[in-house]
Amino acid sequence: MHSILRYKVLYYNNGVAQLSQVLYTIFMTVKQFLFIVEIRTKIVSVSTFLLALSYTLWTTGSVPLHLVILTFIAALFVDMGTTGFNSYFDWYHNVDDPKFNKEDAKVIIHEGVSPGSALIASIACWMVAFVPGVIITVMRGLPVIAIGAVCLLVGFFYSAGKRPISFTPWGEFFAGGFLGTVFFVLCNYIFTGTFSEKAFLVSLPQSFSIAAILSTNNACDFDGDKAAGRKTLAILAGKKLSPYIIYTLEFLWLISLFMLTAFKYLPGIVLPLATIVAVIVSHELYSMHIRGYTHATKGPNMGSISKIFLLETAGILASFALDFFVFRS
């Protein structure tokens, strides 16, 4: 009797161990999930959201709180799902080759996370975003779902398909254009119920700033991307010229702010704040140039371009806040 009982216990424990192993290969830890969706990069979409919100408050004086919350939830989960798909398809297309890529965040190649689980997590994120998206559509009409559907298609095919957008020279255009301009204009429409030409123009500096982040990433990934068959803008420009794409985009960010301020599409306080930011940006760009753009310098260079992005966002947000709360009072 005791031997039978012992056998059953051992059989049970072995079954639990096997089940745990199966679940481990299907699912992932919270930390691994956050790496799959690259949660640290969500600051990009969040910053566009905050800029659109601040601009709408500056121009209209008020924004419906429930629409702000719903838009934030939908945008965050769409962005996480899109990045999750990118993580999966980068593995699928062998872009994340461990021979070149040493980033800890690439848990599919470095920690053995199941690619299928990354795909499931991405789909789940989009399903979560679908609920607030439908509610917003009911409130604001079909343009929301139409633009949202286009954004999802672009987000999916950015890394999916035989010829993903990320494999072409158009990556910066689509990343900056959709995460910057399209998302900004859509937020402004949701908050106000109308499309605005001014909102489109005001969004352009954000698009340049986002495109500069991707350009930095692509310049550092030059060797790995080339080995994977990508034809990014950096690869077309060549190793020596690819950094100048970043510098050009940062120059366009500054010039566009000056022009928008001249036409009074932005508060006048933007000029002195943008000038201060530009000085810091120049120092960071110089440091990046001295380091060079390789896989070995990707960490510090992405840190620098992220700092630049945050400073640029903070400068514009501060301009809206100062003009709204200080100079108008």
C-alpha atoms as a PDB file:
ATOM      1  CA  MET A   1       0.000   0.000   0.000  1.00  0.00           C
ATOM      2  CA  HIS A   2       2.791   2.375   0.967  1.00  0.00           C
ATOM      3  CA  SER A   3       4.719   1.579  -2.214  1.00  0.00           C
ATOM      4  CA  ILE A   4       1.648   2.309  -4.335  1.00  0.00           C
ATOM      5  CA  LEU A   5       1.105   5.617  -2.518  1.00  0.00           C
ATOM      6  CA  ARG A   6       4.759   6.549  -2.941  1.00  0.00           C
ATOM      7  CA  TYR A   7       4.564   5.725  -6.650  1.00  0.00           C
ATOM      8  CA  LYS A   8       1.490   7.959  -7.027  1.00  0.00           C
ATOM      9  CA  VAL A   9       3.246  10.857  -5.231  1.00  0.00           C
ATOM     10  CA  LEU A  10       6.342  10.508  -7.434  1.00  0.00           C
ATOM     11  CA  TYR A  11       4.146  10.280 -10.534  1.00  0.00           C
ATOM     12  CA  TYR A  12       2.228  13.392  -9.426  1.00  0.00           C
ATOM     13  CA  ASN A  13       5.408  15.375  -8.727  1.00  0.00           C
ATOM     14  CA  ASN A  14       6.876  14.366 -12.073  1.00  0.00           C
ATOM     15  CA  GLY A  15       3.658  15.418 -13.801  1.00  0.00           C
ATOM     16  CA  VAL A  16       3.696  18.802 -12.075  1.00  0.00           C
ATOM     17  CA  ALA A  17       7.319  19.308 -13.107  1.00  0.00           C
ATOM     18  CA  GLN A  18       6.506  18.438 -16.712  1.00  0.00           C
ATOM     19  CA  LEU A  19       3.460  20.719 -16.697  1.00  0.00           C
ATOM     20  CA  SER A  20       5.552  23.546 -15.253  1.00  0.00           C
ATOM     21  CA  GLN A  21       8.101  23.102 -18.015  1.00  0.00           C
ATOM     22  CA  VAL A  22       5.374  23.182 -20.669  1.00  0.00           C
ATOM     23  CA  LEU A  23       3.830  26.308 -19.162  1.00  0.00           C
ATOM     24  CA  TYR A  24       7.261  27.956 -18.991  1.00  0.00           C
ATOM     25  CA  THR A  25       7.779  27.422 -22.715  1.00  0.00           C
ATOM     26  CA  ILE A  26       4.309  28.775 -23.516  1.00  0.00           C
ATOM     27  CA  PHE A  27       4.164  31.694 -21.108  1.00  0.00           C
ATOM     28  CA  MET A  28       6.766  34.137 -19.815  1.00  0.00           C
ATOM     29  CA  THR A  29       7.594  36.113 -16.692  1.00  0.00           C
ATOM     30  CA  VAL A  30       6.321  39.661 -16.228  1.00  0.00           C
ATOM     31  CA  LYS A  31       9.844  40.963 -16.780  1.00  0.00           C
ATOM     32  CA  GLN A  32      10.153  39.021 -20.036  1.00  0.00           C
ATOM     33  CA  PHE A  33       6.760  40.317 -21.189  1.00  0.00           C
ATOM     34  CA  LEU A  34       7.903  43.889 -20.527  1.00  0.00           C
ATOM     35  CA  PHE A  35      11.023  43.173 -22.582  1.00  0.00           C
ATOM     36  CA  ILE A  36       8.951  41.682 -25.425  1.00  0.00           C
ATOM     37  CA  VAL A  37       6.787  44.825 -25.636  1.00  0.00           C
ATOM     38  CA  GLU A  38       9.857  46.988 -24.892  1.00  0.00           C
ATOM     39  CA  ILE A  39       7.995  48.943 -22.241  1.00  0.00           C
ATOM     40  CA  ARG A  40      10.825  51.478 -21.988  1.00  0.00           C
ATOM     41  CA  THR A  41      10.082  52.625 -25.553  1.00  0.00           C
ATOM     42  CA  LYS A  42       6.451  53.469 -24.708  1.00  0.00           C
ATOM     43  CA  ILE A  43       7.691  56.902 -23.702  1.00  0.00           C
ATOM     44  CA  VAL A  44       7.487  57.724 -27.415  1.00  0.00           C
ATOM     45  CA  SER A  45       3.735  57.198 -27.782  1.00  0.00           C
ATOM     46  CA  VAL A  46       3.092  58.589 -24.298  1.00  0.00           C
ATOM     47  CA  SER A  47       4.995  61.770 -25.166  1.00  0.00           C
ATOM     48  CA  THR A  48       2.957  62.256 -28.364  1.00  0.00           C
ATOM     49  CA  PHE A  49      -0.203  61.716 -26.336  1.00  0.00           C
ATOM     50  CA  LEU A  50       0.889  64.323 -23.757  1.00  0.00           C
ATOM     51  CA  LEU A  51       1.841  66.821 -26.452  1.00  0.00           C
ATOM     52  CA  ALA A  52      -1.516  66.401 -28.210  1.00  0.00           C
ATOM     53  CA  LEU A  53      -3.322  66.747 -24.882  1.00  0.00           C
ATOM     54  CA  SER A  54      -1.343  69.868 -23.948  1.00  0.00           C
ATOM     55  CA  TYR A  55      -1.872  71.420 -27.380  1.00  0.00           C
ATOM     56  CA  THR A  56      -5.626  70.775 -27.199  1.00  0.00           C
ATOM     57  CA  LEU A  57      -5.824  72.307 -23.709  1.00  0.00           C
ATOM     58  CA  TRP A  58      -3.799  75.297 -24.916  1.00  0.00           C
ATOM     59  CA  THR A  59      -6.111  75.891 -27.900  1.00  0.00           C
ATOM     60  CA  THR A  60      -9.508  74.968 -26.421  1.00  0.00           C
ATOM     61  CA  GLY A  61      -9.128  75.308 -22.657  1.00  0.00           C
ATOM     62  CA  SER A  62     -10.642  71.930 -21.743  1.00  0.00           C
ATOM     63  CA  VAL A  63     -10.642  68.246 -22.685  1.00  0.00           C
ATOM     64  CA  PRO A  64     -13.185  65.517 -21.707  1.00  0.00           C
ATOM     65  CA  LEU A  65     -11.461  63.429 -19.015  1.00  0.00           C
ATOM     66  CA  HIS A  66     -13.125  60.145 -20.018  1.00  0.00           C
ATOM     67  CA  LEU A  67     -11.838  60.493 -23.586  1.00  0.00           C
ATOM     68  CA  VAL A  68      -8.344  61.219 -22.284  1.00  0.00           C
ATOM     69  CA  ILE A  69      -8.336  58.019 -20.204  1.00  0.00           C
ATOM     70  CA  LEU A  70      -9.811  55.844 -22.959  1.00  0.00           C
ATOM     71  CA  THR A  71      -7.386  57.192 -25.567  1.00  0.00           C
ATOM     72  CA  PHE A  72      -4.399  56.623 -23.294  1.00  0.00           C
ATOM     73  CA  ILE A  73      -5.356  52.986 -22.588  1.00  0.00           C
ATOM     74  CA  ALA A  74      -6.047  52.205 -26.251  1.00  0.00           C
ATOM     75  CA  ALA A  75      -2.834  53.859 -27.457  1.00  0.00           C
ATOM     76  CA  LEU A  76      -0.646  52.191 -24.829  1.00  0.00           C
ATOM     77  CA  PHE A  77      -1.862  48.680 -25.601  1.00  0.00           C
ATOM     78  CA  VAL A  78      -1.756  49.197 -29.367  1.00  0.00           C
ATOM     79  CA  ASP A  79       1.849  50.353 -29.013  1.00  0.00           C
ATOM     80  CA  MET A  80       2.757  47.385 -26.790  1.00  0.00           C
ATOM     81  CA  GLY A  81       1.134  44.944 -29.202  1.00  0.00           C
ATOM     82  CA  THR A  82       2.895  46.498 -32.179  1.00  0.00           C
ATOM     83  CA  THR A  83       6.273  46.258 -30.454  1.00  0.00           C
ATOM     84  CA  GLY A  84       5.500  42.652 -29.501  1.00  0.00           C
ATOM     85  CA  PHE A  85       4.854  41.814 -33.150  1.00  0.00           C
ATOM     86  CA  ASN A  86       8.116  43.539 -34.017  1.00  0.00           C
ATOM     87  CA  SER A  87       9.980  41.384 -31.463  1.00  0.00           C
ATOM     88  CA  TYR A  88       8.423  38.236 -32.916  1.00  0.00           C
ATOM     89  CA  PHE A  89       9.073  39.073 -36.575  1.00  0.00           C
ATOM     90  CA  ASP A  90      12.622  40.269 -35.878  1.00  0.00           C
ATOM     91  CA  TRP A  91      13.224  36.747 -34.567  1.00  0.00           C
ATOM     92  CA  TYR A  92      11.333  35.225 -37.522  1.00  0.00           C
ATOM     93  CA  HIS A  93      13.382  37.168 -40.079  1.00  0.00           C
ATOM     94  CA  ASN A  94      16.595  36.431 -38.139  1.00  0.00           C
ATOM     95  CA  VAL A  95      17.212  40.152 -37.633  1.00  0.00           C
ATOM     96  CA  ASP A  96      17.954  39.563 -33.932  1.00  0.00           C
ATOM     97  CA  ASP A  97      20.987  37.408 -34.609  1.00  0.00           C
ATOM     98  CA  PRO A  98      22.801  36.716 -31.311  1.00  0.00           C
ATOM     99  CA  LYS A  99      26.075  37.066 -33.216  1.00  0.00           C
ATOM    100  CA  PHE A 100      25.362  40.791 -33.585  1.00  0.00           C
ATOM    101  CA  ASN A 101      22.661  41.608 -31.038  1.00  0.00           C
ATOM    102  CA  LYS A 102      23.755  41.581 -27.400  1.00  0.00           C
ATOM    103  CA  GLU A 103      20.778  43.472 -25.928  1.00  0.00           C
ATOM    104  CA  ASP A 104      19.366  41.893 -22.764  1.00  0.00           C
ATOM    105  CA  ALA A 105      15.872  42.940 -23.864  1.00  0.00           C
ATOM    106  CA  LYS A 106      15.939  40.436 -26.746  1.00  0.00           C
ATOM    107  CA  VAL A 107      14.664  37.623 -24.520  1.00  0.00           C
ATOM    108  CA  ILE A 108      13.578  35.387 -27.426  1.00  0.00           C
ATOM    109  CA  ILE A 109      17.182  34.838 -28.496  1.00  0.00           C
ATOM    110  CA  HIS A 110      18.935  35.288 -25.147  1.00  0.00           C
ATOM    111  CA  GLU A 111      16.517  33.674 -22.656  1.00  0.00           C
ATOM    112  CA  GLY A 112      14.723  31.116 -24.798  1.00  0.00           C
ATOM    113  CA  VAL A 113      11.288  32.750 -24.540  1.00  0.00           C
ATOM    114  CA  SER A 114       8.921  31.015 -26.933  1.00  0.00           C
ATOM    115  CA  PRO A 115       8.320  33.130 -30.076  1.00  0.00           C
ATOM    116  CA  GLY A 116       4.744  31.833 -30.035  1.00  0.00           C
ATOM    117  CA  SER A 117       4.186  33.312 -26.578  1.00  0.00           C
ATOM    118  CA  ALA A 118       5.413  36.675 -27.861  1.00  0.00           C
ATOM    119  CA  LEU A 119       2.877  36.445 -30.679  1.00  0.00           C
ATOM    120  CA  ILE A 120       0.061  35.562 -28.258  1.00  0.00           C
ATOM    121  CA  ALA A 121       1.023  38.447 -25.950  1.00  0.00           C
ATOM    122  CA  SER A 122       0.939  40.879 -28.884  1.00  0.00           C
ATOM    123  CA  ILE A 123      -2.516  39.744 -29.992  1.00  0.00           C
ATOM    124  CA  ALA A 124      -3.752  39.994 -26.399  1.00  0.00           C
ATOM    125  CA  CYS A 125      -2.531  43.597 -26.160  1.00  0.00           C
ATOM    126  CA  TRP A 126      -4.441  44.540 -29.303  1.00  0.00           C
ATOM    127  CA  MET A 127      -7.558  42.809 -27.988  1.00  0.00           C
ATOM    128  CA  VAL A 128      -7.359  44.910 -24.810  1.00  0.00           C
ATOM    129  CA  ALA A 129      -6.999  48.074 -26.925  1.00  0.00           C
ATOM    130  CA  PHE A 130     -10.056  47.097 -28.990  1.00  0.00           C
ATOM    131  CA  VAL A 131     -12.482  47.742 -26.104  1.00  0.00           C
ATOM    132  CA  PRO A 132     -11.691  51.443 -25.454  1.00  0.00           C
ATOM    133  CA  GLY A 133     -11.272  51.870 -29.229  1.00  0.00           C
ATOM    134  CA  VAL A 134     -14.882  50.810 -29.838  1.00  0.00           C
ATOM    135  CA  ILE A 135     -16.147  53.115 -27.065  1.00  0.00           C
ATOM    136  CA  ILE A 136     -14.260  56.075 -28.543  1.00  0.00           C
ATOM    137  CA  THR A 137     -15.633  55.244 -32.009  1.00  0.00           C
ATOM    138  CA  VAL A 138     -19.189  55.293 -30.678  1.00  0.00           C
ATOM    139  CA  MET A 139     -18.523  58.742 -29.203  1.00  0.00           C
ATOM    140  CA  ARG A 140     -16.527  60.302 -32.053  1.00  0.00           C
ATOM    141  CA  GLY A 141     -17.582  58.394 -35.165  1.00  0.00           C
ATOM    142  CA  LEU A 142     -16.118  56.200 -37.892  1.00  0.00           C
ATOM    143  CA  PRO A 143     -12.962  58.296 -38.559  1.00  0.00           C
ATOM    144  CA  VAL A 144     -11.521  56.898 -35.310  1.00  0.00           C
ATOM    145  CA  ILE A 145     -11.907  53.257 -36.315  1.00  0.00           C
ATOM    146  CA  ALA A 146     -10.791  53.989 -39.896  1.00  0.00           C
ATOM    147  CA  ILE A 147      -7.566  55.737 -38.866  1.00  0.00           C
ATOM    148  CA  GLY A 148      -7.046  53.208 -36.086  1.00  0.00           C
ATOM    149  CA  ALA A 149      -7.318  50.321 -38.568  1.00  0.00           C
ATOM    150  CA  VAL A 150      -4.720  51.925 -40.853  1.00  0.00           C
ATOM    151  CA  CYS A 151      -2.398  52.385 -37.860  1.00  0.00           C
ATOM    152  CA  LEU A 152      -2.791  48.711 -36.924  1.00  0.00           C
ATOM    153  CA  LEU A 153      -2.035  47.593 -40.484  1.00  0.00           C
ATOM    154  CA  VAL A 154       1.062  49.779 -40.644  1.00  0.00           C
ATOM    155  CA  GLY A 155       2.143  48.610 -37.190  1.00  0.00           C
ATOM    156  CA  PHE A 156       1.759  44.950 -38.198  1.00  0.00           C
ATOM    157  CA  PHE A 157       3.396  45.180 -41.617  1.00  0.00           C
ATOM    158  CA  TYR A 158       6.197  47.335 -40.237  1.00  0.00           C
ATOM    159  CA  SER A 159       7.881  44.050 -39.310  1.00  0.00           C
ATOM    160  CA  ALA A 160       5.634  41.365 -40.906  1.00  0.00           C
ATOM    161  CA  GLY A 161       5.428  40.020 -44.439  1.00  0.00           C
ATOM    162  CA  LYS A 162       7.985  39.122 -47.081  1.00  0.00           C
ATOM    163  CA  ARG A 163       9.090  42.736 -47.400  1.00  0.00           C
ATOM    164  CA  PRO A 164       8.441  44.487 -44.052  1.00  0.00           C
ATOM    165  CA  ILE A 165       8.495  48.278 -43.896  1.00  0.00           C
ATOM    166  CA  SER A 166      11.420  48.042 -41.464  1.00  0.00           C
ATOM    167  CA  PHE A 167      13.454  46.381 -44.240  1.00  0.00           C
ATOM    168  CA  THR A 168      13.019  49.405 -46.506  1.00  0.00           C
ATOM    169  CA  PRO A 169      14.317  52.996 -46.449  1.00  0.00           C
ATOM    170  CA  TRP A 170      10.833  54.131 -45.354  1.00  0.00           C
ATOM    171  CA  GLY A 171      11.110  53.041 -41.732  1.00  0.00           C
ATOM    172  CA  GLU A 172      11.818  56.534 -40.366  1.00  0.00           C
ATOM    173  CA  PHE A 173       8.982  58.002 -42.419  1.00  0.00           C
ATOM    174  CA  PHE A 174       6.403  55.515 -41.138  1.00  0.00           C
ATOM    175  CA  ALA A 175       7.636  55.453 -37.532  1.00  0.00           C
ATOM    176  CA  GLY A 176       7.864  59.234 -37.216  1.00  0.00           C
ATOM    177  CA  GLY A 177       4.785  59.847 -39.340  1.00  0.00           C
ATOM    178  CA  PHE A 178       2.434  57.488 -37.521  1.00  0.00           C
ATOM    179  CA  LEU A 179       3.768  57.664 -33.944  1.00  0.00           C
ATOM    180  CA  GLY A 180       4.156  61.404 -34.351  1.00  0.00           C
ATOM    181  CA  THR A 181       1.820  63.152 -36.779  1.00  0.00           C
ATOM    182  CA  VAL A 182      -1.008  60.617 -37.286  1.00  0.00           C
ATOM    183  CA  PHE A 183      -1.310  59.797 -33.589  1.00  0.00           C
ATOM    184  CA  PHE A 184      -1.125  63.492 -32.619  1.00  0.00           C
ATOM    185  CA  VAL A 185      -3.843  64.490 -35.105  1.00  0.00           C
ATOM    186  CA  LEU A 186      -6.024  61.518 -34.083  1.00  0.00           C
ATOM    187  CA  CYS A 187      -5.743  62.450 -30.390  1.00  0.00           C
ATOM    188  CA  ASN A 188      -6.642  66.050 -31.180  1.00  0.00           C
ATOM    189  CA  TYR A 189      -9.665  64.847 -33.167  1.00  0.00           C
ATOM    190  CA  ILE A 190     -10.816  62.573 -30.327  1.00  0.00           C
ATOM    191  CA  PHE A 191     -10.442  65.407 -27.806  1.00  0.00           C
ATOM    192  CA  THR A 192     -12.173  68.075 -29.950  1.00  0.00           C
ATOM    193  CA  GLY A 193     -14.347  66.223 -32.493  1.00  0.00           C
ATOM    194  CA  THR A 194     -12.754  68.076 -35.437  1.00  0.00           C
ATOM    195  CA  PHE A 195      -9.681  67.685 -37.647  1.00  0.00           C
ATOM    196  CA  SER A 196      -7.258  70.603 -37.589  1.00  0.00           C
ATOM    197  CA  GLU A 197      -4.652  71.647 -40.144  1.00  0.00           C
ATOM    198  CA  LYS A 198      -2.808  73.470 -37.367  1.00  0.00           C
ATOM    199  CA  ALA A 199      -2.625  70.272 -35.323  1.00  0.00           C
ATOM    200  CA  PHE A 200      -1.028  68.541 -38.304  1.00  0.00           C
ATOM    201  CA  LEU A 201       1.664  71.224 -38.584  1.00  0.00           C
ATOM    202  CA  VAL A 202       2.290  71.335 -34.824  1.00  0.00           C
ATOM    203  CA  SER A 203       2.883  67.579 -34.833  1.00  0.00           C
ATOM    204  CA  LEU A 204       5.803  67.755 -37.293  1.00  0.00           C
ATOM    205  CA  PRO A 205       8.587  68.461 -34.755  1.00  0.00           C
ATOM    206  CA  GLN A 206       7.517  65.332 -32.863  1.00  0.00           C
ATOM    207  CA  SER A 207       7.739  63.276 -36.056  1.00  0.00           C
ATOM    208  CA  PHE A 208      11.287  64.500 -36.698  1.00  0.00           C
ATOM    209  CA  SER A 209      12.265  63.706 -33.113  1.00  0.00           C
ATOM    210  CA  ILE A 210      10.857  60.158 -33.281  1.00  0.00           C
ATOM    211  CA  ALA A 211      12.465  59.518 -36.665  1.00  0.00           C
ATOM    212  CA  ALA A 212      15.826  60.522 -35.135  1.00  0.00           C
ATOM    213  CA  ILE A 213      15.462  57.742 -32.542  1.00  0.00           C
ATOM    214  CA  LEU A 214      14.933  55.105 -35.231  1.00  0.00           C
ATOM    215  CA  SER A 215      17.778  56.542 -37.308  1.00  0.00           C
ATOM    216  CA  THR A 216      20.116  56.183 -34.323  1.00  0.00           C
ATOM    217  CA  ASN A 217      18.986  52.600 -33.803  1.00  0.00           C
ATOM    218  CA  ASN A 218      19.497  51.768 -37.494  1.00  0.00           C
ATOM    219  CA  ALA A 219      22.903  53.450 -37.647  1.00  0.00           C
ATOM    220  CA  CYS A 220      24.089  51.321 -34.717  1.00  0.00           C
ATOM    221  CA  ASP A 221      22.510  48.151 -36.187  1.00  0.00           C
ATOM    222  CA  PHE A 222      24.157  48.726 -39.567  1.00  0.00           C
ATOM    223  CA  ASP A 223      26.140  45.470 -39.678  1.00  0.00           C
ATOM    224  CA  GLY A 224      23.371  43.236 -38.314  1.00  0.00           C
ATOM    225  CA  ASP A 225      20.711  44.789 -40.545  1.00  0.00           C
ATOM    226  CA  LYS A 226      22.906  44.449 -43.612  1.00  0.00           C
ATOM    227  CA  ALA A 227      23.582  40.781 -42.824  1.00  0.00           C
ATOM    228  CA  ALA A 228      19.812  40.220 -42.455  1.00  0.00           C
ATOM    229  CA  GLY A 229      19.133  41.718 -45.886  1.00  0.00           C
ATOM    230  CA  ARG A 230      17.613  44.975 -44.719  1.00  0.00           C
ATOM    231  CA  LYS A 231      17.803  48.065 -46.925  1.00  0.00           C
ATOM    232  CA  THR A 232      17.268  50.742 -44.310  1.00  0.00           C
ATOM    233  CA  LEU A 233      17.935  54.414 -44.930  1.00  0.00           C
ATOM    234  CA  ALA A 234      21.162  54.058 -42.951  1.00  0.00           C
ATOM    235  CA  ILE A 235      22.368  51.236 -45.201  1.00  0.00           C
ATOM    236  CA  LEU A 236      21.502  53.174 -48.371  1.00  0.00           C
ATOM    237  CA  ALA A 237      23.353  56.209 -47.034  1.00  0.00           C
ATOM    238  CA  GLY A 238      26.353  54.140 -46.021  1.00  0.00           C
ATOM    239  CA  LYS A 239      28.187  53.791 -42.739  1.00  0.00           C
ATOM    240  CA  LYS A 240      29.915  57.179 -42.933  1.00  0.00           C
ATOM    241  CA  LEU A 241      26.858  59.203 -43.930  1.00  0.00           C
ATOM    242  CA  SER A 242      24.157  57.460 -41.861  1.00  0.00           C
ATOM    243  CA  PRO A 243      24.842  59.567 -38.714  1.00  0.00           C
ATOM    244  CA  TYR A 244      24.076  62.718 -40.693  1.00  0.00           C
ATOM    245  CA  ILE A 245      20.479  61.546 -41.126  1.00  0.00           C
ATOM    246  CA  ILE A 246      20.141  61.895 -37.341  1.00  0.00           C
ATOM    247  CA  TYR A 247      21.731  65.356 -37.329  1.00  0.00           C
ATOM    248  CA  THR A 248      19.485  66.509 -40.184  1.00  0.00           C
ATOM    249  CA  LEU A 249      16.342  65.350 -38.391  1.00  0.00           C
ATOM    250  CA  GLU A 250      17.389  67.169 -35.224  1.00  0.00           C
ATOM    251  CA  PHE A 251      18.027  70.326 -37.270  1.00  0.00           C
ATOM    252  CA  LEU A 252      14.551  70.016 -38.812  1.00  0.00           C
ATOM    253  CA  TRP A 253      13.082  69.690 -35.305  1.00  0.00           C
ATOM    254  CA  LEU A 254      14.565  73.043 -34.305  1.00  0.00           C
ATOM    255  CA  ILE A 255      13.748  74.860 -37.558  1.00  0.00           C
ATOM    256  CA  SER A 256      10.136  73.629 -37.544  1.00  0.00           C
ATOM    257  CA  LEU A 257       9.666  74.947 -34.003  1.00  0.00           C
ATOM    258  CA  PHE A 258      10.927  78.393 -35.012  1.00  0.00           C
ATOM    259  CA  MET A 259       8.598  78.467 -38.027  1.00  0.00           C
ATOM    260  CA  LEU A 260       5.576  77.303 -36.027  1.00  0.00           C
ATOM    261  CA  THR A 261       6.271  79.965 -33.422  1.00  0.00           C
ATOM    262  CA  ALA A 262       6.613  82.640 -36.119  1.00  0.00           C
ATOM    263  CA  PHE A 263       3.137  81.720 -37.413  1.00  0.00           C
ATOM    264  CA  LYS A 264       1.862  81.715 -33.795  1.00  0.00           C
ATOM    265  CA  TYR A 265       0.880  78.041 -33.939  1.00  0.00           C
ATOM    266  CA  LEU A 266       2.949  77.587 -30.783  1.00  0.00           C
ATOM    267  CA  PRO A 267       3.408  79.888 -27.774  1.00  0.00           C
ATOM    268  CA  GLY A 268       6.260  82.396 -28.019  1.00  0.00           C
ATOM    269  CA  ILE A 269       8.010  80.945 -24.969  1.00  0.00           C
ATOM    270  CA  VAL A 270       8.948  77.963 -27.160  1.00  0.00           C
ATOM    271  CA  LEU A 271      11.819  79.952 -28.711  1.00  0.00           C
ATOM    272  CA  PRO A 272      13.973  80.503 -25.613  1.00  0.00           C
ATOM    273  CA  LEU A 273      13.232  77.029 -24.249  1.00  0.00           C
ATOM    274  CA  ALA A 274      13.998  75.365 -27.602  1.00  0.00           C
ATOM    275  CA  THR A 275      17.269  77.314 -27.802  1.00  0.00           C
ATOM    276  CA  ILE A 276      18.346  76.016 -24.384  1.00  0.00           C
ATOM    277  CA  VAL A 277      17.361  72.475 -25.367  1.00  0.00           C
ATOM    278  CA  ALA A 278      19.243  72.830 -28.671  1.00  0.00           C
ATOM    279  CA  VAL A 279      22.489  73.598 -26.817  1.00  0.00           C
ATOM    280  CA  ILE A 280      22.174  70.402 -24.750  1.00  0.00           C
ATOM    281  CA  VAL A 281      21.154  68.433 -27.843  1.00  0.00           C
ATOM    282  CA  SER A 282      24.261  69.633 -29.699  1.00  0.00           C
ATOM    283  CA  HIS A 283      26.466  68.381 -26.862  1.00  0.00           C
ATOM    284  CA  GLU A 284      24.764  64.954 -26.879  1.00  0.00           C
ATOM    285  CA  LEU A 285      25.003  64.660 -30.663  1.00  0.00           C
ATOM    286  CA  TYR A 286      28.700  65.496 -30.484  1.00  0.00           C
ATOM    287  CA  SER A 287      29.221  62.766 -27.868  1.00  0.00           C
ATOM    288  CA  MET A 288      27.380  60.288 -30.103  1.00  0.00           C
ATOM    289  CA  HIS A 289      29.515  61.269 -33.078  1.00  0.00           C
ATOM    290  CA  ILE A 290      32.731  60.783 -31.107  1.00  0.00           C
ATOM    291  CA  ARG A 291      31.586  57.338 -29.885  1.00  0.00           C
ATOM    292  CA  GLY A 292      30.619  56.227 -33.378  1.00  0.00           C
ATOM    293  CA  TYR A 293      27.665  54.073 -34.369  1.00  0.00           C
ATOM    294  CA  THR A 294      28.174  50.340 -33.802  1.00  0.00           C
ATOM    295  CA  HIS A 295      26.553  47.517 -31.842  1.00  0.00           C
ATOM    296  CA  ALA A 296      29.098  48.185 -29.081  1.00  0.00           C
ATOM    297  CA  THR A 297      28.047  51.851 -28.761  1.00  0.00           C
ATOM    298  CA  LYS A 298      24.336  51.261 -29.251  1.00  0.00           C
ATOM    299  CA  GLY A 299      23.561  51.329 -25.513  1.00  0.00           C
ATOM    300  CA  PRO A 300      25.100  54.737 -24.767  1.00  0.00           C
ATOM    301  CA  ASN A 301      23.941  56.204 -28.091  1.00  0.00           C
ATOM    302  CA  MET A 302      20.342  55.128 -27.544  1.00  0.00           C
ATOM    303  CA  GLY A 303      20.647  56.593 -24.050  1.00  0.00           C
ATOM    304  CA  SER A 304      21.768  59.898 -25.569  1.00  0.00           C
ATOM    305  CA  ILE A 305      19.052  60.050 -28.224  1.00  0.00           C
ATOM    306  CA  SER A 306      16.448  59.130 -25.575  1.00  0.00           C
ATOM    307  CA  LYS A 307      17.709  61.988 -23.403  1.00  0.00           C
ATOM    308  CA  ILE A 308      17.458  64.299 -26.412  1.00  0.00           C
ATOM    309  CA  PHE A 309      13.911  63.130 -27.118  1.00  0.00           C
ATOM    310  CA  LEU A 310      12.800  63.646 -23.512  1.00  0.00           C
ATOM    311  CA  LEU A 311      14.360  67.109 -23.388  1.00  0.00           C
ATOM    312  CA  GLU A 312      12.652  68.116 -26.623  1.00  0.00           C
ATOM    313  CA  THR A 313       9.303  66.836 -25.387  1.00  0.00           C
ATOM    314  CA  ALA A 314       9.744  68.495 -21.984  1.00  0.00           C
ATOM    315  CA  GLY A 315      10.641  71.812 -23.630  1.00  0.00           C
ATOM    316  CA  ILE A 316       7.423  71.929 -25.678  1.00  0.00           C
ATOM    317  CA  LEU A 317       5.266  70.704 -22.795  1.00  0.00           C
ATOM    318  CA  ALA A 318       6.776  73.374 -20.539  1.00  0.00           C
ATOM    319  CA  SER A 319       5.991  75.998 -23.191  1.00  0.00           C
ATOM    320  CA  PHE A 320       2.304  75.055 -23.256  1.00  0.00           C
ATOM    321  CA  ALA A 321       2.138  74.953 -19.439  1.00  0.00           C
ATOM    322  CA  LEU A 322       3.881  78.308 -18.916  1.00  0.00           C
ATOM    323  CA  ASP A 323       1.778  80.078 -21.516  1.00  0.00           C
ATOM    324  CA  PHE A 324      -1.475  78.552 -20.250  1.00  0.00           C
ATOM    325  CA  PHE A 325      -0.959  78.896 -16.498  1.00  0.00           C
ATOM    326  CA  VAL A 326       1.442  81.854 -16.168  1.00  0.00           C
ATOM    327  CA  PHE A 327       1.326  84.261 -19.094  1.00  0.00           C
ATOM    328  CA  ARG A 328      -2.449  84.076 -19.584  1.00  0.00           C
ATOM    329  CA  SER A 329      -3.261  84.597 -15.907  1.00  0.00           C
END
